[in-house]
C-alpha atoms as a PDB file:
ATOM      1  CA  MET A   1     -79.198 -26.577  16.825  1.00  0.00           C
ATOM      2  CA  PRO A   2     -77.056 -26.279  19.973  1.00  0.00           C
ATOM      3  CA  GLY A   3     -78.849 -27.511  23.062  1.00  0.00           C
ATOM      4  CA  VAL A   4     -79.997 -30.785  21.515  1.00  0.00           C
ATOM      5  CA  THR A   5     -79.179 -33.882  23.558  1.00  0.00           C
ATOM      6  CA  PHE A   6     -78.188 -37.062  21.772  1.00  0.00           C
ATOM      7  CA  ARG A   7     -78.799 -40.431  23.378  1.00  0.00           C
ATOM      8  CA  GLY A   8     -77.601 -43.988  22.883  1.00  0.00           C
ATOM      9  CA  VAL A   9     -75.785 -44.715  19.646  1.00  0.00           C
ATOM     10  CA  SER A  10     -76.509 -41.167  18.436  1.00  0.00           C
ATOM     11  CA  GLU A  11     -74.388 -39.762  21.254  1.00  0.00           C
ATOM     12  CA  GLU A  12     -71.442 -41.947  20.219  1.00  0.00           C
ATOM     13  CA  SER A  13     -71.800 -41.072  16.534  1.00  0.00           C
ATOM     14  CA  PHE A  14     -72.039 -37.366  17.291  1.00  0.00           C
ATOM     15  CA  ALA A  15     -68.950 -37.446  19.536  1.00  0.00           C
ATOM     16  CA  ALA A  16     -66.933 -39.233  16.854  1.00  0.00           C
ATOM     17  CA  GLY A  17     -68.104 -36.695  14.281  1.00  0.00           C
ATOM     18  CA  GLN A  18     -67.208 -33.817  16.571  1.00  0.00           C
ATOM     19  CA  GLU A  19     -63.684 -35.161  16.903  1.00  0.00           C
ATOM     20  CA  ARG A  20     -63.285 -35.350  13.128  1.00  0.00           C
ATOM     21  CA  LEU A  21     -64.704 -31.850  12.743  1.00  0.00           C
ATOM     22  CA  GLU A  22     -62.398 -30.280  15.321  1.00  0.00           C
ATOM     23  CA  THR A  23     -59.420 -31.911  13.612  1.00  0.00           C
ATOM     24  CA  LEU A  24     -60.499 -30.295  10.340  1.00  0.00           C
ATOM     25  CA  LEU A  25     -61.086 -26.927  12.000  1.00  0.00           C
ATOM     26  CA  ALA A  26     -57.656 -27.018  13.644  1.00  0.00           C
ATOM     27  CA  SER A  27     -56.074 -26.904  10.175  1.00  0.00           C
ATOM     28  CA  SER A  28     -55.340 -23.468   8.744  1.00  0.00           C
ATOM     29  CA  ALA A  29     -56.254 -24.913   5.332  1.00  0.00           C
ATOM     30  CA  THR A  30     -59.908 -25.278   6.370  1.00  0.00           C
ATOM     31  CA  ASP A  31     -62.191 -22.333   5.630  1.00  0.00           C
ATOM     32  CA  ALA A  32     -64.406 -22.631   8.700  1.00  0.00           C
ATOM     33  CA  ALA A  33     -66.992 -20.104   7.513  1.00  0.00           C
ATOM     34  CA  ALA A  34     -67.392 -21.829   4.131  1.00  0.00           C
ATOM     35  CA  LEU A  35     -67.615 -25.213   5.831  1.00  0.00           C
ATOM     36  CA  GLY A  36     -70.333 -23.908   8.137  1.00  0.00           C
ATOM     37  CA  GLY A  37     -72.298 -22.539   5.205  1.00  0.00           C
ATOM     38  CA  ASP A  38     -72.055 -25.828   3.328  1.00  0.00           C
ATOM     39  CA  LEU A  39     -73.179 -27.794   6.370  1.00  0.00           C
ATOM     40  CA  PHE A  40     -76.168 -25.493   6.836  1.00  0.00           C
ATOM     41  CA  SER A  41     -77.104 -26.217   3.194  1.00  0.00           C
ATOM     42  CA  VAL A  42     -76.911 -29.947   3.901  1.00  0.00           C
ATOM     43  CA  THR A  43     -79.012 -29.453   7.034  1.00  0.00           C
ATOM     44  CA  ASP A  44     -81.748 -27.801   4.988  1.00  0.00           C
ATOM     45  CA  LEU A  45     -81.573 -30.595   2.386  1.00  0.00           C
ATOM     46  CA  LEU A  46     -81.964 -33.287   5.043  1.00  0.00           C
ATOM     47  CA  ALA A  47     -84.766 -31.426   6.824  1.00  0.00           C
ATOM     48  CA  ALA A  48     -86.732 -31.187   3.577  1.00  0.00           C
ATOM     49  CA  ASN A  49     -86.156 -34.779   2.444  1.00  0.00           C
ATOM     50  CA  PRO A  50     -87.455 -37.530   4.799  1.00  0.00           C
ATOM     51  CA  ALA A  51     -86.581 -40.283   2.311  1.00  0.00           C
ATOM     52  CA  LEU A  52     -82.952 -39.176   2.255  1.00  0.00           C
ATOM     53  CA  ARG A  53     -82.830 -39.025   6.064  1.00  0.00           C
ATOM     54  CA  ARG A  54     -84.151 -42.582   6.252  1.00  0.00           C
ATOM     55  CA  ALA A  55     -81.650 -43.802   3.669  1.00  0.00           C
ATOM     56  CA  LEU A  56     -78.708 -42.278   5.552  1.00  0.00           C
ATOM     57  CA  THR A  57     -79.767 -43.558   8.979  1.00  0.00           C
ATOM     58  CA  ASP A  58     -81.069 -47.020   8.039  1.00  0.00           C
ATOM     59  CA  PRO A  59     -79.415 -49.380  10.576  1.00  0.00           C
ATOM     60  CA  ALA A  60     -79.687 -52.284   8.123  1.00  0.00           C
ATOM     61  CA  ARG A  61     -77.597 -50.449   5.545  1.00  0.00           C
ATOM     62  CA  ASP A  62     -73.810 -50.681   5.504  1.00  0.00           C
ATOM     63  CA  GLY A  63     -72.030 -47.563   6.779  1.00  0.00           C
ATOM     64  CA  GLN A  64     -69.764 -47.331   3.748  1.00  0.00           C
ATOM     65  CA  ALA A  65     -72.755 -47.600   1.419  1.00  0.00           C
ATOM     66  CA  LYS A  66     -74.340 -44.637   3.199  1.00  0.00           C
ATOM     67  CA  ALA A  67     -71.110 -42.665   2.951  1.00  0.00           C
ATOM     68  CA  ASP A  68     -70.926 -43.459  -0.771  1.00  0.00           C
ATOM     69  CA  LEU A  69     -74.477 -42.147  -1.175  1.00  0.00           C
ATOM     70  CA  VAL A  70     -73.448 -38.879   0.478  1.00  0.00           C
ATOM     71  CA  GLU A  71     -70.489 -38.534  -1.867  1.00  0.00           C
ATOM     72  CA  ARG A  72     -72.659 -39.177  -4.951  1.00  0.00           C
ATOM     73  CA  LEU A  73     -75.274 -36.651  -3.855  1.00  0.00           C
ATOM     74  CA  LEU A  74     -73.036 -33.911  -2.479  1.00  0.00           C
ATOM     75  CA  GLY A  75     -69.802 -34.273  -4.437  1.00  0.00           C
ATOM     76  CA  GLY A  76     -69.373 -31.145  -6.519  1.00  0.00           C
ATOM     77  CA  GLN A  77     -72.278 -29.458  -4.709  1.00  0.00           C
ATOM     78  CA  VAL A  78     -70.458 -28.602  -1.494  1.00  0.00           C
ATOM     79  CA  SER A  79     -66.796 -28.497  -0.490  1.00  0.00           C
ATOM     80  CA  GLY A  80     -64.681 -31.596   0.052  1.00  0.00           C
ATOM     81  CA  PRO A  81     -64.437 -31.004   3.826  1.00  0.00           C
ATOM     82  CA  ALA A  82     -68.239 -30.759   4.056  1.00  0.00           C
ATOM     83  CA  VAL A  83     -68.616 -34.045   2.146  1.00  0.00           C
ATOM     84  CA  ASP A  84     -66.080 -35.633   4.517  1.00  0.00           C
ATOM     85  CA  VAL A  85     -67.956 -34.410   7.609  1.00  0.00           C
ATOM     86  CA  VAL A  86     -71.353 -35.606   6.397  1.00  0.00           C
ATOM     87  CA  SER A  87     -69.945 -38.911   5.080  1.00  0.00           C
ATOM     88  CA  GLY A  88     -68.412 -39.574   8.484  1.00  0.00           C
ATOM     89  CA  LEU A  89     -71.709 -38.901  10.213  1.00  0.00           C
ATOM     90  CA  ALA A  90     -73.553 -41.140   7.740  1.00  0.00           C
ATOM     91  CA  ARG A  91     -71.216 -44.032   8.596  1.00  0.00           C
ATOM     92  CA  GLY A  92     -72.389 -43.808  12.204  1.00  0.00           C
ATOM     93  CA  ARG A  93     -75.544 -45.212  13.770  1.00  0.00           C
ATOM     94  CA  TRP A  94     -78.429 -43.014  14.874  1.00  0.00           C
ATOM     95  CA  SER A  95     -81.264 -43.621  17.314  1.00  0.00           C
ATOM     96  CA  ARG A  96     -83.624 -41.424  15.245  1.00  0.00           C
ATOM     97  CA  ASN A  97     -83.256 -40.316  11.650  1.00  0.00           C
ATOM     98  CA  GLY A  98     -83.808 -36.725  12.796  1.00  0.00           C
ATOM     99  CA  ASP A  99     -80.645 -36.956  14.891  1.00  0.00           C
ATOM    100  CA  LEU A 100     -78.499 -36.891  11.763  1.00  0.00           C
ATOM    101  CA  THR A 101     -80.022 -33.576  10.679  1.00  0.00           C
ATOM    102  CA  GLU A 102     -79.473 -32.100  14.127  1.00  0.00           C
ATOM    103  CA  ALA A 103     -75.878 -33.345  14.175  1.00  0.00           C
ATOM    104  CA  VAL A 104     -75.079 -31.747  10.815  1.00  0.00           C
ATOM    105  CA  GLU A 105     -76.654 -28.481  11.983  1.00  0.00           C
ATOM    106  CA  ALA A 106     -74.696 -28.545  15.243  1.00  0.00           C
ATOM    107  CA  HIS A 107     -71.491 -29.065  13.254  1.00  0.00           C
ATOM    108  CA  ALA A 108     -72.431 -26.127  11.036  1.00  0.00           C
ATOM    109  CA  VAL A 109     -72.784 -23.904  14.097  1.00  0.00           C
ATOM    110  CA  THR A 110     -69.471 -25.149  15.481  1.00  0.00           C
ATOM    111  CA  SER A 111     -67.743 -24.367  12.180  1.00  0.00           C
ATOM    112  CA  VAL A 112     -69.091 -20.818  12.011  1.00  0.00           C
ATOM    113  CA  LEU A 113     -68.119 -20.168  15.632  1.00  0.00           C
ATOM    114  CA  ALA A 114     -64.653 -21.608  14.983  1.00  0.00           C
ATOM    115  CA  GLY A 115     -64.281 -19.146  12.121  1.00  0.00           C
ATOM    116  CA  ALA A 116     -65.233 -16.298  14.442  1.00  0.00           C
ATOM    117  CA  GLU A 117     -62.780 -17.593  17.037  1.00  0.00           C
ATOM    118  CA  ARG A 118     -59.960 -17.718  14.488  1.00  0.00           C
ATOM    119  CA  ALA A 119     -60.758 -14.138  13.404  1.00  0.00           C
ATOM    120  CA  GLY A 120     -60.851 -12.867  17.002  1.00  0.00           C
ATOM    121  CA  ARG A 121     -64.580 -12.104  16.826  1.00  0.00           C
ATOM    122  CA  LEU A 122     -66.063 -14.785  19.088  1.00  0.00           C
ATOM    123  CA  ASP A 123     -66.787 -12.383  21.964  1.00  0.00           C
ATOM    124  CA  ALA A 124     -68.479  -9.958  19.562  1.00  0.00           C
ATOM    125  CA  VAL A 125     -70.588 -12.722  18.020  1.00  0.00           C
ATOM    126  CA  GLU A 126     -71.797 -13.859  21.433  1.00  0.00           C
ATOM    127  CA  ASP A 127     -72.739 -10.297  22.412  1.00  0.00           C
ATOM    128  CA  GLU A 128     -74.413  -9.477  19.083  1.00  0.00           C
ATOM    129  CA  LEU A 129     -76.511 -12.647  19.078  1.00  0.00           C
ATOM    130  CA  PHE A 130     -77.624 -11.887  22.641  1.00  0.00           C
ATOM    131  CA  ARG A 131     -78.592  -8.314  21.766  1.00  0.00           C
ATOM    132  CA  PHE A 132     -80.453  -9.384  18.634  1.00  0.00           C
ATOM    133  CA  ALA A 133     -82.447 -11.942  20.640  1.00  0.00           C
ATOM    134  CA  ARG A 134     -83.441  -9.195  23.098  1.00  0.00           C
ATOM    135  CA  ILE A 135     -84.439  -6.850  20.260  1.00  0.00           C
ATOM    136  CA  ILE A 136     -86.756  -9.479  18.763  1.00  0.00           C
ATOM    137  CA  GLU A 137     -88.141 -10.407  22.157  1.00  0.00           C
ATOM    138  CA  GLY A 138     -89.059  -6.774  22.846  1.00  0.00           C
ATOM    139  CA  ASP A 139     -90.689  -6.054  19.476  1.00  0.00           C
ATOM    140  CA  GLN A 140     -94.060  -7.665  18.696  1.00  0.00           C
ATOM    141  CA  ASP A 141     -93.803  -6.882  14.976  1.00  0.00           C
ATOM    142  CA  LEU A 142     -90.433  -8.648  14.748  1.00  0.00           C
ATOM    143  CA  ARG A 143     -91.700 -11.596  16.757  1.00  0.00           C
ATOM    144  CA  ASP A 144     -94.566 -11.963  14.301  1.00  0.00           C
ATOM    145  CA  ALA A 145     -92.291 -11.528  11.284  1.00  0.00           C
ATOM    146  CA  PHE A 146     -89.914 -14.237  12.533  1.00  0.00           C
ATOM    147  CA  SER A 147     -92.559 -16.615  13.877  1.00  0.00           C
ATOM    148  CA  TYR A 148     -92.086 -20.200  12.699  1.00  0.00           C
ATOM    149  CA  ARG A 149     -95.761 -20.108  11.717  1.00  0.00           C
ATOM    150  CA  THR A 150     -95.009 -17.279   9.290  1.00  0.00           C
ATOM    151  CA  GLU A 151     -93.986 -18.598   5.882  1.00  0.00           C
ATOM    152  CA  GLY A 152     -91.097 -17.310   3.791  1.00  0.00           C
ATOM    153  CA  ALA A 153     -87.634 -18.486   4.842  1.00  0.00           C
ATOM    154  CA  ASP A 154     -85.914 -16.328   2.225  1.00  0.00           C
ATOM    155  CA  ARG A 155     -87.879 -13.264   3.313  1.00  0.00           C
ATOM    156  CA  LYS A 156     -86.911 -13.834   6.952  1.00  0.00           C
ATOM    157  CA  GLY A 157     -83.258 -14.237   6.017  1.00  0.00           C
ATOM    158  CA  GLU A 158     -83.342 -11.015   4.022  1.00  0.00           C
ATOM    159  CA  LEU A 159     -84.929  -9.184   6.957  1.00  0.00           C
ATOM    160  CA  VAL A 160     -82.061 -10.334   9.191  1.00  0.00           C
ATOM    161  CA  ARG A 161     -79.541  -9.039   6.654  1.00  0.00           C
ATOM    162  CA  GLN A 162     -81.326  -5.690   6.522  1.00  0.00           C
ATOM    163  CA  LEU A 163     -81.288  -5.414  10.306  1.00  0.00           C
ATOM    164  CA  LEU A 164     -77.732  -6.635  10.931  1.00  0.00           C
ATOM    165  CA  GLY A 165     -75.816  -6.166   7.683  1.00  0.00           C
ATOM    166  CA  GLY A 166     -72.880  -3.811   8.227  1.00  0.00           C
ATOM    167  CA  ARG A 167     -73.698  -3.622  11.947  1.00  0.00           C
ATOM    168  CA  ALA A 168     -72.595  -7.071  13.105  1.00  0.00           C
ATOM    169  CA  ALA A 169     -69.877  -9.628  12.454  1.00  0.00           C
ATOM    170  CA  PRO A 170     -70.438 -11.821   9.374  1.00  0.00           C
ATOM    171  CA  GLU A 171     -70.669 -14.896  11.622  1.00  0.00           C
ATOM    172  CA  THR A 172     -73.438 -13.218  13.639  1.00  0.00           C
ATOM    173  CA  VAL A 173     -75.387 -12.510  10.464  1.00  0.00           C
ATOM    174  CA  ARG A 174     -74.937 -16.065   9.167  1.00  0.00           C
ATOM    175  CA  LEU A 175     -76.096 -17.659  12.400  1.00  0.00           C
ATOM    176  CA  ALA A 176     -79.002 -15.238  12.818  1.00  0.00           C
ATOM    177  CA  VAL A 177     -80.175 -15.910   9.256  1.00  0.00           C
ATOM    178  CA  GLN A 178     -80.248 -19.635  10.001  1.00  0.00           C
ATOM    179  CA  ALA A 179     -82.067 -19.070  13.286  1.00  0.00           C
ATOM    180  CA  ALA A 180     -84.719 -16.923  11.610  1.00  0.00           C
ATOM    181  CA  ALA A 181     -85.173 -18.913   8.402  1.00  0.00           C
ATOM    182  CA  HIS A 182     -85.057 -22.423   9.898  1.00  0.00           C
ATOM    183  CA  PRO A 183     -85.981 -22.308  13.614  1.00  0.00           C
ATOM    184  CA  ARG A 184     -87.184 -25.968  13.620  1.00  0.00           C
ATOM    185  CA  GLY A 185     -90.409 -25.218  15.501  1.00  0.00           C
ATOM    186  CA  LEU A 186     -88.836 -22.863  18.049  1.00  0.00           C
ATOM    187  CA  ARG A 187     -89.128 -19.098  18.319  1.00  0.00           C
ATOM    188  CA  THR A 188     -86.245 -17.323  16.614  1.00  0.00           C
ATOM    189  CA  GLU A 189     -85.188 -15.712  19.875  1.00  0.00           C
ATOM    190  CA  GLN A 190     -85.030 -19.158  21.501  1.00  0.00           C
ATOM    191  CA  VAL A 191     -82.681 -20.402  18.786  1.00  0.00           C
ATOM    192  CA  LEU A 192     -80.571 -17.251  19.173  1.00  0.00           C
ATOM    193  CA  GLU A 193     -80.296 -17.929  22.899  1.00  0.00           C
ATOM    194  CA  GLN A 194     -79.028 -21.438  22.148  1.00  0.00           C
ATOM    195  CA  LEU A 195     -76.449 -19.936  19.808  1.00  0.00           C
ATOM    196  CA  VAL A 196     -75.369 -17.475  22.496  1.00  0.00           C
ATOM    197  CA  GLN A 197     -74.792 -20.416  24.836  1.00  0.00           C
ATOM    198  CA  ALA A 198     -72.829 -22.289  22.155  1.00  0.00           C
ATOM    199  CA  ALA A 199     -70.591 -19.245  21.623  1.00  0.00           C
ATOM    200  CA  ALA A 200     -70.101 -18.832  25.364  1.00  0.00           C
ATOM    201  CA  ASP A 201     -69.240 -22.508  25.783  1.00  0.00           C
ATOM    202  CA  ARG A 202     -66.653 -22.336  23.012  1.00  0.00           C
ATOM    203  CA  ARG A 203     -65.159 -19.120  24.375  1.00  0.00           C
ATOM    204  CA  ARG A 204     -64.759 -20.596  27.866  1.00  0.00           C
ATOM    205  CA  GLN A 205     -63.167 -23.838  26.733  1.00  0.00           C
ATOM    206  CA  LEU A 206     -59.460 -24.416  26.940  1.00  0.00           C
ATOM    207  CA  VAL A 207     -57.983 -26.192  23.937  1.00  0.00           C
ATOM    208  CA  ALA A 208     -55.961 -29.349  24.562  1.00  0.00           C
ATOM    209  CA  HIS A 209     -53.682 -30.146  21.631  1.00  0.00           C
ATOM    210  CA  VAL A 210     -53.189 -33.919  21.636  1.00  0.00           C
ATOM    211  CA  VAL A 211     -50.759 -35.908  19.504  1.00  0.00           C
ATOM    212  CA  ALA A 212     -51.272 -39.671  19.359  1.00  0.00           C
ATOM    213  CA  ALA A 213     -49.701 -42.478  17.372  1.00  0.00           C
ATOM    214  CA  ALA A 214     -53.110 -43.683  16.138  1.00  0.00           C
ATOM    215  CA  PRO A 215     -56.688 -42.346  16.160  1.00  0.00           C
ATOM    216  CA  LEU A 216     -58.297 -42.553  19.588  1.00  0.00           C
ATOM    217  CA  THR A 217     -61.371 -44.701  20.083  1.00  0.00           C
ATOM    218  CA  THR A 218     -64.510 -43.088  21.480  1.00  0.00           C
ATOM    219  CA  GLU A 219     -63.770 -44.731  24.836  1.00  0.00           C
ATOM    220  CA  GLN A 220     -60.156 -43.501  24.886  1.00  0.00           C
ATOM    221  CA  ARG A 221     -61.230 -39.994  23.935  1.00  0.00           C
ATOM    222  CA  GLY A 222     -63.855 -40.009  26.700  1.00  0.00           C
ATOM    223  CA  ARG A 223     -61.328 -41.081  29.348  1.00  0.00           C
ATOM    224  CA  LEU A 224     -58.806 -38.447  28.234  1.00  0.00           C
ATOM    225  CA  GLU A 225     -61.450 -35.719  28.132  1.00  0.00           C
ATOM    226  CA  ALA A 226     -62.673 -36.642  31.625  1.00  0.00           C
ATOM    227  CA  ALA A 227     -59.121 -36.593  33.031  1.00  0.00           C
ATOM    228  CA  LEU A 228     -58.352 -33.209  31.480  1.00  0.00           C
ATOM    229  CA  GLN A 229     -61.660 -31.742  32.654  1.00  0.00           C
ATOM    230  CA  ARG A 230     -60.902 -32.791  36.226  1.00  0.00           C
ATOM    231  CA  ARG A 231     -57.640 -30.870  36.010  1.00  0.00           C
ATOM    232  CA  TYR A 232     -58.522 -27.868  33.830  1.00  0.00           C
ATOM    233  CA  GLY A 233     -62.317 -27.577  33.675  1.00  0.00           C
ATOM    234  CA  ARG A 234     -63.919 -27.224  30.236  1.00  0.00           C
ATOM    235  CA  VAL A 235     -61.528 -28.562  27.610  1.00  0.00           C
ATOM    236  CA  ARG A 236     -61.882 -29.035  23.856  1.00  0.00           C
ATOM    237  CA  LEU A 237     -59.652 -31.675  22.262  1.00  0.00           C
ATOM    238  CA  ASN A 238     -57.780 -31.100  19.017  1.00  0.00           C
ATOM    239  CA  ILE A 239     -56.236 -34.467  18.133  1.00  0.00           C
ATOM    240  CA  ASP A 240     -53.444 -35.015  15.607  1.00  0.00           C
ATOM    241  CA  VAL A 241     -52.158 -38.439  14.582  1.00  0.00           C
ATOM    242  CA  ASP A 242     -48.392 -38.822  14.174  1.00  0.00           C
ATOM    243  CA  PRO A 243     -47.067 -42.408  13.831  1.00  0.00           C
ATOM    244  CA  GLU A 244     -43.567 -41.171  14.674  1.00  0.00           C
ATOM    245  CA  VAL A 245     -44.499 -40.802  18.345  1.00  0.00           C
ATOM    246  CA  ILE A 246     -44.764 -44.657  18.351  1.00  0.00           C
ATOM    247  CA  GLY A 247     -47.137 -44.800  21.327  1.00  0.00           C
ATOM    248  CA  GLY A 248     -48.537 -42.816  24.222  1.00  0.00           C
ATOM    249  CA  LEU A 249     -49.799 -39.232  24.057  1.00  0.00           C
ATOM    250  CA  ARG A 250     -48.434 -35.712  23.962  1.00  0.00           C
ATOM    251  CA  VAL A 251     -50.892 -33.228  25.479  1.00  0.00           C
ATOM    252  CA  GLN A 252     -50.458 -29.456  25.587  1.00  0.00           C
ATOM    253  CA  VAL A 253     -52.948 -27.170  27.352  1.00  0.00           C
ATOM    254  CA  GLY A 254     -51.847 -23.560  27.206  1.00  0.00           C
ATOM    255  CA  SER A 255     -48.202 -23.409  28.234  1.00  0.00           C
ATOM    256  CA  GLU A 256     -48.323 -26.769  30.052  1.00  0.00           C
ATOM    257  CA  LEU A 257     -46.975 -29.782  28.146  1.00  0.00           C
ATOM    258  CA  VAL A 258     -47.299 -33.398  29.211  1.00  0.00           C
ATOM    259  CA  ASP A 259     -45.287 -35.625  26.887  1.00  0.00           C
ATOM    260  CA  GLY A 260     -45.996 -39.277  27.586  1.00  0.00           C
ATOM    261  CA  THR A 261     -45.039 -40.573  24.157  1.00  0.00           C
ATOM    262  CA  VAL A 262     -42.715 -43.521  23.695  1.00  0.00           C
ATOM    263  CA  THR A 263     -40.469 -41.273  21.585  1.00  0.00           C
ATOM    264  CA  ALA A 264     -40.119 -38.804  24.453  1.00  0.00           C
ATOM    265  CA  ARG A 265     -39.283 -41.583  26.901  1.00  0.00           C
ATOM    266  CA  LEU A 266     -36.662 -43.002  24.539  1.00  0.00           C
ATOM    267  CA  ASP A 267     -35.124 -39.548  24.079  1.00  0.00           C
ATOM    268  CA  GLU A 268     -34.989 -39.096  27.841  1.00  0.00           C
ATOM    269  CA  ALA A 269     -33.338 -42.506  28.268  1.00  0.00           C
ATOM    270  CA  ARG A 270     -30.697 -41.604  25.668  1.00  0.00           C
ATOM    271  CA  ARG A 271     -29.947 -38.326  27.428  1.00  0.00           C
ATOM    272  CA  ARG A 272     -29.456 -40.105  30.740  1.00  0.00           C
ATOM    273  CA  MET A 273     -27.179 -42.704  29.189  1.00  0.00           C
ATOM    274  CA  ALA A 274     -25.157 -39.990  27.466  1.00  0.00           C
ATOM    275  CA  GLY A 275     -24.910 -37.883  30.611  1.00  0.00           C
END
């Protein structure tokens, strides 16, 4: 869930996965809500299957072999984009096998929030999750019903749908169902508060659209992100690869464009020679 902190090689693998995910989500062809739902299904599968978690995070196993295992297990069960996201994560290295589960779940949350953002409902989702957390916190019967010690994930999910169905955005309902049915040892209201923070963080971020000639390394991405954050504050990178730019980067944040590509410099040189 949001709020988890990755360390060591897990941090690098998660950052690389986040970059791939945001590239997918930036495409209008990606159904963000469906992707989020598929990734939540994978999260539940991993959480319930320790042997699978170990197989997909074994540092002695080749990354491609782990990705192939994901494709054999999930192909035809979830969407192609979901298989791609999980395969990419499986290729990475993880400090703990539980980190992979948490990474998939965090990507599921990001996907659902991106769907709300695209639909213009992100503010509403943040507010509705906050209000639902307060309702549970103030009602002892609901706290007991949603307690992680209380069995019945399906029953808890159905209770959320009864309480919120038709009264809240579909993304709010989906996230609240996950928080109630699979709180991972936390109180449901605690998970909801983490989701509120994730929605707020996404809402406050500026989006930097970056075009590069080749995929950025983790180190290059980190340097670019740090430079943009110094200038703009919270920034989320959407990175496209276009070999035609030859080299350098084109970065657009809002109405501000910085074109440092080789193509742009060549075009400028031609204009000066012609003028």
